Amino acid sequence: MKVSINAVKFKADKKLEEFINDKVEKLSGVYDGIIGSEVILKLGNVETPDNKIAEIRLQIKGNDLFAKKQSKTFEEATDTAVDALRKQLDKHKGKFQK
């Protein structure tokens, strides 16, 4: 699966990119119909400490799945977004198994 990472108005370091790749690629173990994924990292409202936003779009056959989460770190936001996508994938798989 191809994971495309796009950091808006900043440069994501190699460690963060590797973390995101690892987390997102684990989703292909849940559902093998994933074509690719796009991750967008951006900073939200600067006044709050939890201003890191991770948006993940999974390209699958049919409709794409999407999750957007905000947290104190990009790692934490990515983690919660991947968890949300895992639930969506389980629901999506359930539709096709019936």
PDB file of N, CA and C in Angstrom:
ATOM      1  N   MET A   1       0.848  -1.174   0.000  1.00  0.00           N
ATOM      2  CA  MET A   1       0.000   0.000   0.000  1.00  0.00           C
ATOM      3  C   MET A   1       0.894   1.238   0.000  1.00  0.00           C
ATOM      4  N   LYS A   2       0.502   2.226  -0.789  1.00  0.00           N
ATOM      5  CA  LYS A   2       1.252   3.479  -0.859  1.00  0.00           C
ATOM      6  C   LYS A   2       0.691   4.450   0.173  1.00  0.00           C
ATOM      7  N   VAL A   3       1.571   4.992   1.008  1.00  0.00           N
ATOM      8  CA  VAL A   3       1.182   5.978   2.013  1.00  0.00           C
ATOM      9  C   VAL A   3       1.786   7.317   1.616  1.00  0.00           C
ATOM     10  N   SER A   4       0.920   8.278   1.331  1.00  0.00           N
ATOM     11  CA  SER A   4       1.364   9.624   0.959  1.00  0.00           C
ATOM     12  C   SER A   4       1.195  10.547   2.163  1.00  0.00           C
ATOM     13  N   ILE A   5       2.292  11.186   2.591  1.00  0.00           N
ATOM     14  CA  ILE A   5       2.252  12.076   3.758  1.00  0.00           C
ATOM     15  C   ILE A   5       2.480  13.503   3.288  1.00  0.00           C
ATOM     16  N   ASN A   6       1.567  14.384   3.680  1.00  0.00           N
ATOM     17  CA  ASN A   6       1.645  15.787   3.299  1.00  0.00           C
ATOM     18  C   ASN A   6       1.578  16.645   4.565  1.00  0.00           C
ATOM     19  N   ALA A   7       2.675  17.324   4.894  1.00  0.00           N
ATOM     20  CA  ALA A   7       2.709  18.213   6.053  1.00  0.00           C
ATOM     21  C   ALA A   7       2.466  19.641   5.558  1.00  0.00           C
ATOM     22  N   VAL A   8       1.446  20.300   6.090  1.00  0.00           N
ATOM     23  CA  VAL A   8       1.061  21.634   5.653  1.00  0.00           C
ATOM     24  C   VAL A   8       1.824  22.691   6.445  1.00  0.00           C
ATOM     25  N   LYS A   9       2.593  23.505   5.748  1.00  0.00           N
ATOM     26  CA  LYS A   9       3.339  24.644   6.301  1.00  0.00           C
ATOM     27  C   LYS A   9       4.446  24.263   7.285  1.00  0.00           C
ATOM     28  N   PHE A  10       4.908  23.008   7.239  1.00  0.00           N
ATOM     29  CA  PHE A  10       6.075  22.599   8.015  1.00  0.00           C
ATOM     30  C   PHE A  10       6.634  21.327   7.404  1.00  0.00           C
ATOM     31  N   LYS A  11       7.838  20.961   7.808  1.00  0.00           N
ATOM     32  CA  LYS A  11       8.502  19.762   7.296  1.00  0.00           C
ATOM     33  C   LYS A  11       8.461  18.686   8.377  1.00  0.00           C
ATOM     34  N   ALA A  12       7.819  17.555   8.050  1.00  0.00           N
ATOM     35  CA  ALA A  12       7.756  16.443   8.999  1.00  0.00           C
ATOM     36  C   ALA A  12       9.109  15.729   9.010  1.00  0.00           C
ATOM     37  N   ASP A  13       9.606  15.407  10.209  1.00  0.00           N
ATOM     38  CA  ASP A  13      10.899  14.715  10.286  1.00  0.00           C
ATOM     39  C   ASP A  13      10.748  13.240   9.934  1.00  0.00           C
ATOM     40  N   LYS A  14      11.856  12.609   9.680  1.00  0.00           N
ATOM     41  CA  LYS A  14      11.893  11.214   9.228  1.00  0.00           C
ATOM     42  C   LYS A  14      11.250  10.268  10.246  1.00  0.00           C
ATOM     43  N   LYS A  15      11.490  10.519  11.526  1.00  0.00           N
ATOM     44  CA  LYS A  15      10.951   9.672  12.586  1.00  0.00           C
ATOM     45  C   LYS A  15       9.414   9.695  12.577  1.00  0.00           C
ATOM     46  N   LEU A  16       8.829  10.883  12.410  1.00  0.00           N
ATOM     47  CA  LEU A  16       7.378  11.026  12.363  1.00  0.00           C
ATOM     48  C   LEU A  16       6.815  10.316  11.124  1.00  0.00           C
ATOM     49  N   GLU A  17       7.479  10.472   9.988  1.00  0.00           N
ATOM     50  CA  GLU A  17       7.021   9.819   8.759  1.00  0.00           C
ATOM     51  C   GLU A  17       7.064   8.293   8.888  1.00  0.00           C
ATOM     52  N   GLU A  18       8.114   7.775   9.515  1.00  0.00           N
ATOM     53  CA  GLU A  18       8.222   6.330   9.721  1.00  0.00           C
ATOM     54  C   GLU A  18       7.127   5.823  10.654  1.00  0.00           C
ATOM     55  N   PHE A  19       6.830   6.599  11.709  1.00  0.00           N
ATOM     56  CA  PHE A  19       5.773   6.235  12.655  1.00  0.00           C
ATOM     57  C   PHE A  19       4.433   6.158  11.922  1.00  0.00           C
ATOM     58  N   ILE A  20       4.143   7.169  11.109  1.00  0.00           N
ATOM     59  CA  ILE A  20       2.868   7.215  10.383  1.00  0.00           C
ATOM     60  C   ILE A  20       2.778   6.062   9.385  1.00  0.00           C
ATOM     61  N   ASN A  21       3.861   5.832   8.636  1.00  0.00           N
ATOM     62  CA  ASN A  21       3.879   4.726   7.677  1.00  0.00           C
ATOM     63  C   ASN A  21       3.588   3.398   8.365  1.00  0.00           C
ATOM     64  N   ASP A  22       4.243   3.167   9.504  1.00  0.00           N
ATOM     65  CA  ASP A  22       4.078   1.923  10.246  1.00  0.00           C
ATOM     66  C   ASP A  22       2.625   1.745  10.693  1.00  0.00           C
ATOM     67  N   LYS A  23       2.051   2.790  11.276  1.00  0.00           N
ATOM     68  CA  LYS A  23       0.676   2.717  11.786  1.00  0.00           C
ATOM     69  C   LYS A  23      -0.334   2.492  10.670  1.00  0.00           C
ATOM     70  N   VAL A  24      -0.195   3.253   9.581  1.00  0.00           N
ATOM     71  CA  VAL A  24      -1.177   3.175   8.497  1.00  0.00           C
ATOM     72  C   VAL A  24      -1.052   1.846   7.751  1.00  0.00           C
ATOM     73  N   GLU A  25       0.170   1.373   7.562  1.00  0.00           N
ATOM     74  CA  GLU A  25       0.352   0.117   6.837  1.00  0.00           C
ATOM     75  C   GLU A  25      -0.192  -1.081   7.609  1.00  0.00           C
ATOM     76  N   LYS A  26      -0.295  -0.973   8.928  1.00  0.00           N
ATOM     77  CA  LYS A  26      -0.877  -2.058   9.722  1.00  0.00           C
ATOM     78  C   LYS A  26      -2.358  -2.250   9.387  1.00  0.00           C
ATOM     79  N   LEU A  27      -3.003  -1.206   8.855  1.00  0.00           N
ATOM     80  CA  LEU A  27      -4.415  -1.313   8.487  1.00  0.00           C
ATOM     81  C   LEU A  27      -4.623  -2.296   7.328  1.00  0.00           C
ATOM     82  N   SER A  28      -3.601  -2.485   6.509  1.00  0.00           N
ATOM     83  CA  SER A  28      -3.748  -3.434   5.397  1.00  0.00           C
ATOM     84  C   SER A  28      -3.851  -4.868   5.911  1.00  0.00           C
ATOM     85  N   GLY A  29      -3.435  -5.110   7.149  1.00  0.00           N
ATOM     86  CA  GLY A  29      -3.625  -6.417   7.759  1.00  0.00           C
ATOM     87  C   GLY A  29      -5.065  -6.647   8.178  1.00  0.00           C
ATOM     88  N   VAL A  30      -5.798  -5.566   8.426  1.00  0.00           N
ATOM     89  CA  VAL A  30      -7.201  -5.660   8.814  1.00  0.00           C
ATOM     90  C   VAL A  30      -8.069  -5.905   7.580  1.00  0.00           C
ATOM     91  N   TYR A  31      -7.726  -5.228   6.475  1.00  0.00           N
ATOM     92  CA  TYR A  31      -8.521  -5.323   5.240  1.00  0.00           C
ATOM     93  C   TYR A  31      -7.578  -5.238   4.052  1.00  0.00           C
ATOM     94  N   ASP A  32      -7.608  -6.252   3.207  1.00  0.00           N
ATOM     95  CA  ASP A  32      -6.637  -6.298   2.111  1.00  0.00           C
ATOM     96  C   ASP A  32      -7.085  -5.534   0.864  1.00  0.00           C
ATOM     97  N   GLY A  33      -8.243  -4.892   0.902  1.00  0.00           N
ATOM     98  CA  GLY A  33      -8.736  -4.140  -0.250  1.00  0.00           C
ATOM     99  C   GLY A  33      -8.309  -2.683  -0.259  1.00  0.00           C
ATOM    100  N   ILE A  34      -7.339  -2.320   0.579  1.00  0.00           N
ATOM    101  CA  ILE A  34      -6.881  -0.927   0.627  1.00  0.00           C
ATOM    102  C   ILE A  34      -5.948  -0.671  -0.547  1.00  0.00           C
ATOM    103  N   ILE A  35      -6.261   0.344  -1.333  1.00  0.00           N
ATOM    104  CA  ILE A  35      -5.469   0.688  -2.510  1.00  0.00           C
ATOM    105  C   ILE A  35      -4.315   1.610  -2.128  1.00  0.00           C
ATOM    106  N   GLY A  36      -4.610   2.620  -1.332  1.00  0.00           N
ATOM    107  CA  GLY A  36      -3.591   3.573  -0.909  1.00  0.00           C
ATOM    108  C   GLY A  36      -4.128   4.443   0.211  1.00  0.00           C
ATOM    109  N   SER A  37      -3.304   5.364   0.681  1.00  0.00           N
ATOM    110  CA  SER A  37      -3.747   6.257   1.749  1.00  0.00           C
ATOM    111  C   SER A  37      -3.057   7.610   1.616  1.00  0.00           C
ATOM    112  N   GLU A  38      -3.732   8.623   2.116  1.00  0.00           N
ATOM    113  CA  GLU A  38      -3.197   9.979   2.112  1.00  0.00           C
ATOM    114  C   GLU A  38      -3.305  10.522   3.530  1.00  0.00           C
ATOM    115  N   VAL A  39      -2.188  10.990   4.068  1.00  0.00           N
ATOM    116  CA  VAL A  39      -2.156  11.546   5.412  1.00  0.00           C
ATOM    117  C   VAL A  39      -1.805  13.021   5.307  1.00  0.00           C
ATOM    118  N   ILE A  40      -2.631  13.874   5.927  1.00  0.00           N
ATOM    119  CA  ILE A  40      -2.368  15.308   5.938  1.00  0.00           C
ATOM    120  C   ILE A  40      -2.154  15.727   7.385  1.00  0.00           C
ATOM    121  N   LEU A  41      -1.007  16.336   7.645  1.00  0.00           N
ATOM    122  CA  LEU A  41      -0.675  16.840   8.981  1.00  0.00           C
ATOM    123  C   LEU A  41      -0.714  18.361   8.940  1.00  0.00           C
ATOM    124  N   LYS A  42      -1.387  18.956   9.911  1.00  0.00           N
ATOM    125  CA  LYS A  42      -1.407  20.418   9.962  1.00  0.00           C
ATOM    126  C   LYS A  42      -1.601  20.905  11.391  1.00  0.00           C
ATOM    127  N   LEU A  43      -1.252  22.166  11.590  1.00  0.00           N
ATOM    128  CA  LEU A  43      -1.400  22.798  12.897  1.00  0.00           C
ATOM    129  C   LEU A  43      -2.719  23.550  12.926  1.00  0.00           C
ATOM    130  N   GLY A  44      -3.472  23.340  13.994  1.00  0.00           N
ATOM    131  CA  GLY A  44      -4.747  24.030  14.152  1.00  0.00           C
ATOM    132  C   GLY A  44      -4.555  25.350  14.883  1.00  0.00           C
ATOM    133  N   ASN A  45      -5.510  25.693  15.721  1.00  0.00           N
ATOM    134  CA  ASN A  45      -5.478  26.923  16.507  1.00  0.00           C
ATOM    135  C   ASN A  45      -4.244  26.921  17.413  1.00  0.00           C
ATOM    136  N   VAL A  46      -3.405  27.940  17.281  1.00  0.00           N
ATOM    137  CA  VAL A  46      -2.114  27.973  17.974  1.00  0.00           C
ATOM    138  C   VAL A  46      -2.256  28.207  19.480  1.00  0.00           C
ATOM    139  N   GLU A  47      -3.358  28.774  19.920  1.00  0.00           N
ATOM    140  CA  GLU A  47      -3.513  29.098  21.344  1.00  0.00           C
ATOM    141  C   GLU A  47      -3.742  27.872  22.229  1.00  0.00           C
ATOM    142  N   THR A  48      -4.186  26.772  21.661  1.00  0.00           N
ATOM    143  CA  THR A  48      -4.452  25.587  22.470  1.00  0.00           C
ATOM    144  C   THR A  48      -3.304  24.584  22.356  1.00  0.00           C
ATOM    145  N   PRO A  49      -3.031  23.826  23.426  1.00  0.00           N
ATOM    146  CA  PRO A  49      -1.920  22.864  23.368  1.00  0.00           C
ATOM    147  C   PRO A  49      -2.209  21.679  22.450  1.00  0.00           C
ATOM    148  N   ASP A  50      -3.477  21.291  22.307  1.00  0.00           N
ATOM    149  CA  ASP A  50      -3.790  20.163  21.422  1.00  0.00           C
ATOM    150  C   ASP A  50      -4.182  20.679  20.038  1.00  0.00           C
ATOM    151  N   ASN A  51      -3.166  21.221  19.345  1.00  0.00           N
ATOM    152  CA  ASN A  51      -3.404  21.864  18.053  1.00  0.00           C
ATOM    153  C   ASN A  51      -2.858  21.078  16.865  1.00  0.00           C
ATOM    154  N   LYS A  52      -2.437  19.836  17.079  1.00  0.00           N
ATOM    155  CA  LYS A  52      -1.889  19.018  15.995  1.00  0.00           C
ATOM    156  C   LYS A  52      -3.030  18.200  15.386  1.00  0.00           C
ATOM    157  N   ILE A  53      -3.214  18.300  14.076  1.00  0.00           N
ATOM    158  CA  ILE A  53      -4.319  17.631  13.386  1.00  0.00           C
ATOM    159  C   ILE A  53      -3.760  16.626  12.383  1.00  0.00           C
ATOM    160  N   ALA A  54      -4.301  15.421  12.427  1.00  0.00           N
ATOM    161  CA  ALA A  54      -3.960  14.377  11.459  1.00  0.00           C
ATOM    162  C   ALA A  54      -5.232  13.963  10.736  1.00  0.00           C
ATOM    163  N   GLU A  55      -5.203  14.069   9.417  1.00  0.00           N
ATOM    164  CA  GLU A  55      -6.321  13.619   8.580  1.00  0.00           C
ATOM    165  C   GLU A  55      -5.821  12.446   7.746  1.00  0.00           C
ATOM    166  N   ILE A  56      -6.550  11.345   7.764  1.00  0.00           N
ATOM    167  CA  ILE A  56      -6.153  10.169   6.998  1.00  0.00           C
ATOM    168  C   ILE A  56      -7.317   9.746   6.108  1.00  0.00           C
ATOM    169  N   ARG A  57      -7.025   9.614   4.813  1.00  0.00           N
ATOM    170  CA  ARG A  57      -8.010   9.117   3.853  1.00  0.00           C
ATOM    171  C   ARG A  57      -7.496   7.785   3.312  1.00  0.00           C
ATOM    172  N   LEU A  58      -8.310   6.744   3.492  1.00  0.00           N
ATOM    173  CA  LEU A  58      -7.962   5.419   2.963  1.00  0.00           C
ATOM    174  C   LEU A  58      -8.725   5.212   1.666  1.00  0.00           C
ATOM    175  N   GLN A  59      -7.998   4.881   0.619  1.00  0.00           N
ATOM    176  CA  GLN A  59      -8.629   4.601  -0.667  1.00  0.00           C
ATOM    177  C   GLN A  59      -8.891   3.107  -0.746  1.00  0.00           C
ATOM    178  N   ILE A  60     -10.178   2.764  -0.771  1.00  0.00           N
ATOM    179  CA  ILE A  60     -10.575   1.365  -0.893  1.00  0.00           C
ATOM    180  C   ILE A  60     -11.545   1.248  -2.066  1.00  0.00           C
ATOM    181  N   LYS A  61     -11.803   0.018  -2.475  1.00  0.00           N
ATOM    182  CA  LYS A  61     -12.759  -0.188  -3.557  1.00  0.00           C
ATOM    183  C   LYS A  61     -14.119   0.332  -3.121  1.00  0.00           C
ATOM    184  N   GLY A  62     -14.732   1.144  -3.956  1.00  0.00           N
ATOM    185  CA  GLY A  62     -16.012   1.746  -3.591  1.00  0.00           C
ATOM    186  C   GLY A  62     -15.763   3.123  -2.996  1.00  0.00           C
ATOM    187  N   ASN A  63     -16.191   3.329  -1.777  1.00  0.00           N
ATOM    188  CA  ASN A  63     -16.027   4.623  -1.113  1.00  0.00           C
ATOM    189  C   ASN A  63     -14.722   4.686  -0.337  1.00  0.00           C
ATOM    190  N   ASP A  64     -14.145   5.897  -0.244  1.00  0.00           N
ATOM    191  CA  ASP A  64     -12.964   6.109   0.597  1.00  0.00           C
ATOM    192  C   ASP A  64     -13.407   6.242   2.047  1.00  0.00           C
ATOM    193  N   LEU A  65     -12.510   5.882   2.967  1.00  0.00           N
ATOM    194  CA  LEU A  65     -12.763   6.079   4.395  1.00  0.00           C
ATOM    195  C   LEU A  65     -11.913   7.241   4.869  1.00  0.00           C
ATOM    196  N   PHE A  66     -12.430   8.024   5.832  1.00  0.00           N
ATOM    197  CA  PHE A  66     -11.741   9.230   6.271  1.00  0.00           C
ATOM    198  C   PHE A  66     -11.839   9.370   7.783  1.00  0.00           C
ATOM    199  N   ALA A  67     -10.740   9.828   8.392  1.00  0.00           N
ATOM    200  CA  ALA A  67     -10.731  10.133   9.824  1.00  0.00           C
ATOM    201  C   ALA A  67      -9.878  11.376  10.048  1.00  0.00           C
ATOM    202  N   LYS A  68     -10.364  12.257  10.901  1.00  0.00           N
ATOM    203  CA  LYS A  68      -9.635  13.488  11.244  1.00  0.00           C
ATOM    204  C   LYS A  68      -9.626  13.584  12.766  1.00  0.00           C
ATOM    205  N   LYS A  69      -8.423  13.656  13.338  1.00  0.00           N
ATOM    206  CA  LYS A  69      -8.294  13.724  14.792  1.00  0.00           C
ATOM    207  C   LYS A  69      -7.318  14.825  15.176  1.00  0.00           C
ATOM    208  N   GLN A  70      -7.566  15.415  16.336  1.00  0.00           N
ATOM    209  CA  GLN A  70      -6.736  16.507  16.845  1.00  0.00           C
ATOM    210  C   GLN A  70      -6.229  16.129  18.224  1.00  0.00           C
ATOM    211  N   SER A  71      -4.937  16.421  18.488  1.00  0.00           N
ATOM    212  CA  SER A  71      -4.333  16.037  19.759  1.00  0.00           C
ATOM    213  C   SER A  71      -3.126  16.917  20.063  1.00  0.00           C
ATOM    214  N   LYS A  72      -2.413  16.575  21.155  1.00  0.00           N
ATOM    215  CA  LYS A  72      -1.232  17.346  21.563  1.00  0.00           C
ATOM    216  C   LYS A  72      -0.025  17.058  20.685  1.00  0.00           C
ATOM    217  N   THR A  73       0.047  15.829  20.138  1.00  0.00           N
ATOM    218  CA  THR A  73       1.163  15.458  19.268  1.00  0.00           C
ATOM    219  C   THR A  73       0.616  14.838  17.987  1.00  0.00           C
ATOM    220  N   PHE A  74       1.412  14.885  16.924  1.00  0.00           N
ATOM    221  CA  PHE A  74       0.999  14.261  15.676  1.00  0.00           C
ATOM    222  C   PHE A  74       0.916  12.750  15.824  1.00  0.00           C
ATOM    223  N   GLU A  75       1.778  12.177  16.647  1.00  0.00           N
ATOM    224  CA  GLU A  75       1.749  10.725  16.878  1.00  0.00           C
ATOM    225  C   GLU A  75       0.425  10.305  17.517  1.00  0.00           C
ATOM    226  N   GLU A  76       0.004  11.050  18.535  1.00  0.00           N
ATOM    227  CA  GLU A  76      -1.240  10.725  19.228  1.00  0.00           C
ATOM    228  C   GLU A  76      -2.447  10.928  18.304  1.00  0.00           C
ATOM    229  N   ALA A  77      -2.434  11.992  17.521  1.00  0.00           N
ATOM    230  CA  ALA A  77      -3.524  12.253  16.577  1.00  0.00           C
ATOM    231  C   ALA A  77      -3.587  11.156  15.515  1.00  0.00           C
ATOM    232  N   THR A  78      -2.428  10.732  15.028  1.00  0.00           N
ATOM    233  CA  THR A  78      -2.372   9.658  14.036  1.00  0.00           C
ATOM    234  C   THR A  78      -2.892   8.353  14.632  1.00  0.00           C
ATOM    235  N   ASP A  79      -2.475   8.072  15.853  1.00  0.00           N
ATOM    236  CA  ASP A  79      -2.899   6.852  16.544  1.00  0.00           C
ATOM    237  C   ASP A  79      -4.419   6.783  16.666  1.00  0.00           C
ATOM    238  N   THR A  80      -5.055   7.865  17.116  1.00  0.00           N
ATOM    239  CA  THR A  80      -6.511   7.861  17.294  1.00  0.00           C
ATOM    240  C   THR A  80      -7.228   7.823  15.945  1.00  0.00           C
ATOM    241  N   ALA A  81      -6.657   8.465  14.924  1.00  0.00           N
ATOM    242  CA  ALA A  81      -7.259   8.418  13.585  1.00  0.00           C
ATOM    243  C   ALA A  81      -7.186   7.000  13.018  1.00  0.00           C
ATOM    244  N   VAL A  82      -6.067   6.315  13.228  1.00  0.00           N
ATOM    245  CA  VAL A  82      -5.925   4.937  12.754  1.00  0.00           C
ATOM    246  C   VAL A  82      -6.912   4.019  13.483  1.00  0.00           C
ATOM    247  N   ASP A  83      -7.122   4.244  14.780  1.00  0.00           N
ATOM    248  CA  ASP A  83      -8.106   3.455  15.525  1.00  0.00           C
ATOM    249  C   ASP A  83      -9.510   3.656  14.955  1.00  0.00           C
ATOM    250  N   ALA A  84      -9.834   4.908  14.636  1.00  0.00           N
ATOM    251  CA  ALA A  84     -11.147   5.214  14.053  1.00  0.00           C
ATOM    252  C   ALA A  84     -11.299   4.533  12.692  1.00  0.00           C
ATOM    253  N   LEU A  85     -10.237   4.542  11.910  1.00  0.00           N
ATOM    254  CA  LEU A  85     -10.286   3.883  10.596  1.00  0.00           C
ATOM    255  C   LEU A  85     -10.394   2.372  10.723  1.00  0.00           C
ATOM    256  N   ARG A  86      -9.755   1.816  11.747  1.00  0.00           N
ATOM    257  CA  ARG A  86      -9.850   0.372  11.981  1.00  0.00           C
ATOM    258  C   ARG A  86     -11.308  -0.017  12.246  1.00  0.00           C
ATOM    259  N   LYS A  87     -12.019   0.796  13.035  1.00  0.00           N
ATOM    260  CA  LYS A  87     -13.437   0.540  13.311  1.00  0.00           C
ATOM    261  C   LYS A  87     -14.259   0.659  12.029  1.00  0.00           C
ATOM    262  N   GLN A  88     -13.951   1.666  11.214  1.00  0.00           N
ATOM    263  CA  GLN A  88     -14.663   1.844   9.945  1.00  0.00           C
ATOM    264  C   GLN A  88     -14.416   0.655   9.010  1.00  0.00           C
ATOM    265  N   LEU A  89     -13.173   0.165   8.986  1.00  0.00           N
ATOM    266  CA  LEU A  89     -12.843  -0.988   8.144  1.00  0.00           C
ATOM    267  C   LEU A  89     -13.588  -2.235   8.603  1.00  0.00           C
ATOM    268  N   ASP A  90     -13.673  -2.424   9.913  1.00  0.00           N
ATOM    269  CA  ASP A  90     -14.412  -3.578  10.445  1.00  0.00           C
ATOM    270  C   ASP A  90     -15.877  -3.505  10.024  1.00  0.00           C
ATOM    271  N   LYS A  91     -16.471  -2.316  10.108  1.00  0.00           N
ATOM    272  CA  LYS A  91     -17.850  -2.113   9.713  1.00  0.00           C
ATOM    273  C   LYS A  91     -18.012  -2.358   8.203  1.00  0.00           C
ATOM    274  N   HIS A  92     -17.048  -1.867   7.423  1.00  0.00           N
ATOM    275  CA  HIS A  92     -17.058  -2.026   5.973  1.00  0.00           C
ATOM    276  C   HIS A  92     -16.951  -3.504   5.590  1.00  0.00           C
ATOM    277  N   LYS A  93     -16.067  -4.240   6.264  1.00  0.00           N
ATOM    278  CA  LYS A  93     -15.911  -5.682   6.005  1.00  0.00           C
ATOM    279  C   LYS A  93     -17.200  -6.421   6.355  1.00  0.00           C
ATOM    280  N   GLY A  94     -17.854  -6.010   7.430  1.00  0.00           N
ATOM    281  CA  GLY A  94     -19.084  -6.651   7.863  1.00  0.00           C
ATOM    282  C   GLY A  94     -20.189  -6.544   6.832  1.00  0.00           C
ATOM    283  N   LYS A  95     -20.229  -5.442   6.096  1.00  0.00           N
ATOM    284  CA  LYS A  95     -21.248  -5.255   5.054  1.00  0.00           C
ATOM    285  C   LYS A  95     -21.072  -6.281   3.938  1.00  0.00           C
ATOM    286  N   PHE A  96     -19.821  -6.575   3.595  1.00  0.00           N
ATOM    287  CA  PHE A  96     -19.565  -7.485   2.491  1.00  0.00           C
ATOM    288  C   PHE A  96     -19.637  -8.947   2.883  1.00  0.00           C
ATOM    289  N   GLN A  97     -19.557  -9.241   4.177  1.00  0.00           N
ATOM    290  CA  GLN A  97     -19.609 -10.624   4.619  1.00  0.00           C
ATOM    291  C   GLN A  97     -21.045 -11.121   4.762  1.00  0.00           C
ATOM    292  N   LYS A  98     -21.998 -10.204   4.788  1.00  0.00           N
ATOM    293  CA  LYS A  98     -23.419 -10.590   4.940  1.00  0.00           C
ATOM    294  C   LYS A  98     -23.996 -11.040   3.629  1.00  0.00           C
TER     295      LYS A  98
END
